Amino acid sequence: MQKLSAGLLMFRRRDWALEVLLVHPGGPFWKNKDDGAWSIPKGEYAETENALDAARREFREETGFEPGAELIPLGEIRQPSRKIVSAWAFEGDCDPAALHSNTFSIEWPPKSGQTREFPEVDRAAWFPIDVARTKLLKGQLPFLDKLILKLQAPEP
């Protein structure tokens, strides 16, 4: 069964740069990772679910923010893990300090018999595109290029 994921990439325009909102995964495995560890807010969904509905849901669950209404389709990419990720972008703004993420539970430390709860996302931040290229997971980098191309395209 093919793994599917969908997400939303929020962007804002500043006088000096185009910036994107990225999230850092929560939990002990990602705690000390930074470059190449950030993601667009996204999550898995079932084949029977609408990808866009899943992307909106996951954005809310991972950030606590409401997604924008006017979405720019960025298409889909196949990550190195073979997961298919669909994404849309929208222009917006938010305060990353106001992030509120859902949580998940895992046994931690491993084989301890103790279950601990962690946020799905432990922080969010705005990054100019050049910095986002170093922060974002390699498999999601094509979404930055797709966003730039869509924003440069003339309006129909």
Protein backbone atom coordinates (compact mmCIF):
# COMPACT_ATOMS: atom_id res chain seq x y z
CA MET A 1 0.00 0.00 0.00
CA GLN A 2 1.38 3.38 -1.07
CA LYS A 3 2.02 5.90 1.75
CA LEU A 4 0.44 9.27 1.01
CA SER A 5 1.00 12.59 2.72
CA ALA A 6 -0.38 16.08 2.12
CA GLY A 7 0.56 19.50 3.42
CA LEU A 8 0.38 23.26 3.10
CA LEU A 9 3.27 25.68 2.67
CA MET A 10 2.53 29.14 4.05
CA PHE A 11 4.56 31.97 2.57
CA ARG A 12 4.83 35.70 3.10
CA ARG A 13 6.50 38.47 1.16
CA ARG A 14 8.82 40.84 2.92
CA ASP A 15 10.59 43.83 1.37
CA TRP A 16 13.82 41.90 1.51
CA ALA A 17 12.72 38.32 0.74
CA LEU A 18 10.11 35.66 0.18
CA GLU A 19 9.78 33.64 3.39
CA VAL A 20 8.22 30.26 4.11
CA LEU A 21 6.92 28.81 7.36
CA LEU A 22 8.56 25.49 8.21
CA VAL A 23 8.01 23.23 11.20
CA HIS A 24 10.46 21.14 13.19
CA PRO A 25 9.31 17.63 14.11
CA GLY A 26 8.84 16.96 17.80
CA GLY A 27 9.99 13.98 19.78
CA PRO A 28 13.32 12.62 20.90
CA PHE A 29 14.56 11.45 17.48
CA TRP A 30 14.61 14.99 16.06
CA LYS A 31 15.62 16.88 19.23
CA ASN A 32 19.21 17.68 18.21
CA LYS A 33 18.70 17.86 14.45
CA ASP A 34 18.35 21.15 12.60
CA ASP A 35 19.65 21.49 9.03
CA GLY A 36 17.79 19.08 6.78
CA ALA A 37 15.24 18.22 9.48
CA TRP A 38 12.47 20.81 9.01
CA SER A 39 9.30 20.17 7.03
CA ILE A 40 6.22 21.76 5.60
CA PRO A 41 3.25 21.09 7.91
CA LYS A 42 1.93 17.80 6.52
CA GLY A 43 0.70 14.37 7.45
CA GLU A 44 -0.38 11.01 6.14
CA TYR A 45 -3.84 10.28 4.84
CA ALA A 46 -5.75 7.26 3.52
CA GLU A 47 -6.30 6.69 -0.20
CA THR A 48 -10.03 7.15 0.40
CA GLU A 49 -9.50 10.66 1.81
CA ASN A 50 -9.23 13.84 -0.25
CA ALA A 51 -5.59 15.06 -0.26
CA LEU A 52 -6.52 18.74 0.07
CA ASP A 53 -8.84 18.05 3.02
CA ALA A 54 -6.01 16.10 4.66
CA ALA A 55 -3.54 18.94 4.01
CA ARG A 56 -5.85 21.46 5.67
CA ARG A 57 -6.44 19.15 8.65
CA GLU A 58 -2.76 18.43 9.13
CA PHE A 59 -1.86 22.12 8.94
CA ARG A 60 -4.35 22.88 11.73
CA GLU A 61 -3.24 19.90 13.83
CA GLU A 62 0.47 20.63 13.53
CA THR A 63 0.39 24.40 13.92
CA GLY A 64 -2.92 25.42 15.49
CA PHE A 65 -3.23 28.03 12.71
CA GLU A 66 -6.05 28.33 10.21
CA PRO A 67 -4.98 27.75 6.59
CA GLY A 68 -5.64 30.34 3.93
CA ALA A 69 -8.54 30.08 1.51
CA GLU A 70 -6.73 30.73 -1.78
CA LEU A 71 -4.40 27.82 -2.41
CA ILE A 72 -1.73 27.42 -5.07
CA PRO A 73 -1.26 23.77 -6.12
CA LEU A 74 2.37 22.68 -5.96
CA GLY A 75 1.73 19.15 -7.20
CA GLU A 76 3.24 16.03 -5.74
CA ILE A 77 6.70 14.63 -5.22
CA ARG A 78 8.02 11.23 -4.32
CA GLN A 79 10.28 11.40 -1.27
CA PRO A 80 13.34 9.13 -0.92
CA SER A 81 11.20 6.98 1.42
CA ARG A 82 8.90 6.44 -1.63
CA LYS A 83 6.07 8.32 0.13
CA ILE A 84 4.04 10.54 -2.23
CA VAL A 85 3.60 14.06 -0.85
CA SER A 86 1.04 16.49 -2.28
CA ALA A 87 1.28 20.17 -1.36
CA TRP A 88 -0.42 23.51 -1.80
CA ALA A 89 0.85 26.95 -0.89
CA PHE A 90 -0.93 30.00 0.43
CA GLU A 91 0.03 33.51 1.40
CA GLY A 92 -0.42 34.31 5.07
CA ASP A 93 1.26 35.35 8.27
CA CYS A 94 1.40 34.03 11.79
CA ASP A 95 3.49 34.23 14.93
CA PRO A 96 5.51 31.00 15.28
CA ALA A 97 5.58 31.56 19.06
CA ALA A 98 1.80 30.92 19.04
CA LEU A 99 2.29 27.40 17.62
CA HIS A 100 0.04 24.75 19.15
CA SER A 101 0.60 21.18 17.96
CA ASN A 102 -1.12 17.86 18.55
CA THR A 103 0.85 15.27 20.48
CA PHE A 104 1.81 11.61 20.03
CA SER A 105 2.85 8.93 22.50
CA ILE A 106 5.80 6.53 22.28
CA GLU A 107 7.74 4.34 24.65
CA TRP A 108 10.64 6.49 25.82
CA PRO A 109 13.38 5.77 26.61
CA PRO A 110 13.28 2.64 24.42
CA LYS A 111 12.53 -0.61 26.26
CA SER A 112 11.81 1.33 29.47
CA GLY A 113 8.13 0.44 29.60
CA GLN A 114 7.37 4.14 30.06
CA THR A 115 5.14 5.97 27.62
CA ARG A 116 5.81 9.65 27.05
CA GLU A 117 3.92 12.25 25.09
CA PHE A 118 5.61 14.61 22.63
CA PRO A 119 4.32 17.36 20.33
CA GLU A 120 4.12 16.40 16.63
CA VAL A 121 5.86 19.71 15.95
CA ASP A 122 8.05 21.35 18.59
CA ARG A 123 8.58 24.69 16.85
CA ALA A 124 7.93 26.69 13.70
CA ALA A 125 9.89 29.49 12.08
CA TRP A 126 9.91 31.78 9.07
CA PHE A 127 12.87 31.29 6.73
CA PRO A 128 13.96 33.17 3.61
CA ILE A 129 14.08 30.75 0.66
CA ASP A 130 17.89 30.46 0.66
CA VAL A 131 17.92 29.48 4.35
CA ALA A 132 14.86 27.23 3.92
CA ARG A 133 16.89 25.23 1.38
CA THR A 134 19.32 24.24 4.16
CA LYS A 135 16.63 23.61 6.79
CA LEU A 136 14.09 21.62 4.76
CA LEU A 137 14.18 17.84 4.37
CA LYS A 138 15.87 17.05 1.03
CA GLY A 139 12.82 15.22 -0.28
CA GLN A 140 10.68 18.36 0.07
CA LEU A 141 13.09 20.82 -1.58
CA PRO A 142 11.27 20.67 -4.95
CA PHE A 143 8.28 22.39 -3.32
CA LEU A 144 10.37 25.55 -2.85
CA ASP A 145 11.23 25.62 -6.55
CA LYS A 146 7.61 24.96 -7.51
CA LEU A 147 6.45 27.82 -5.26
CA ILE A 148 8.93 30.25 -6.82
CA LEU A 149 7.88 29.25 -10.34
CA LYS A 150 4.17 29.64 -9.50
CA LEU A 151 4.74 33.09 -7.98
CA GLN A 152 6.74 34.22 -11.02
CA ALA A 153 4.13 32.99 -13.51
CA PRO A 154 1.88 35.70 -14.94
CA GLU A 155 -1.75 35.73 -13.80
CA PRO A 156 -4.13 34.14 -16.36
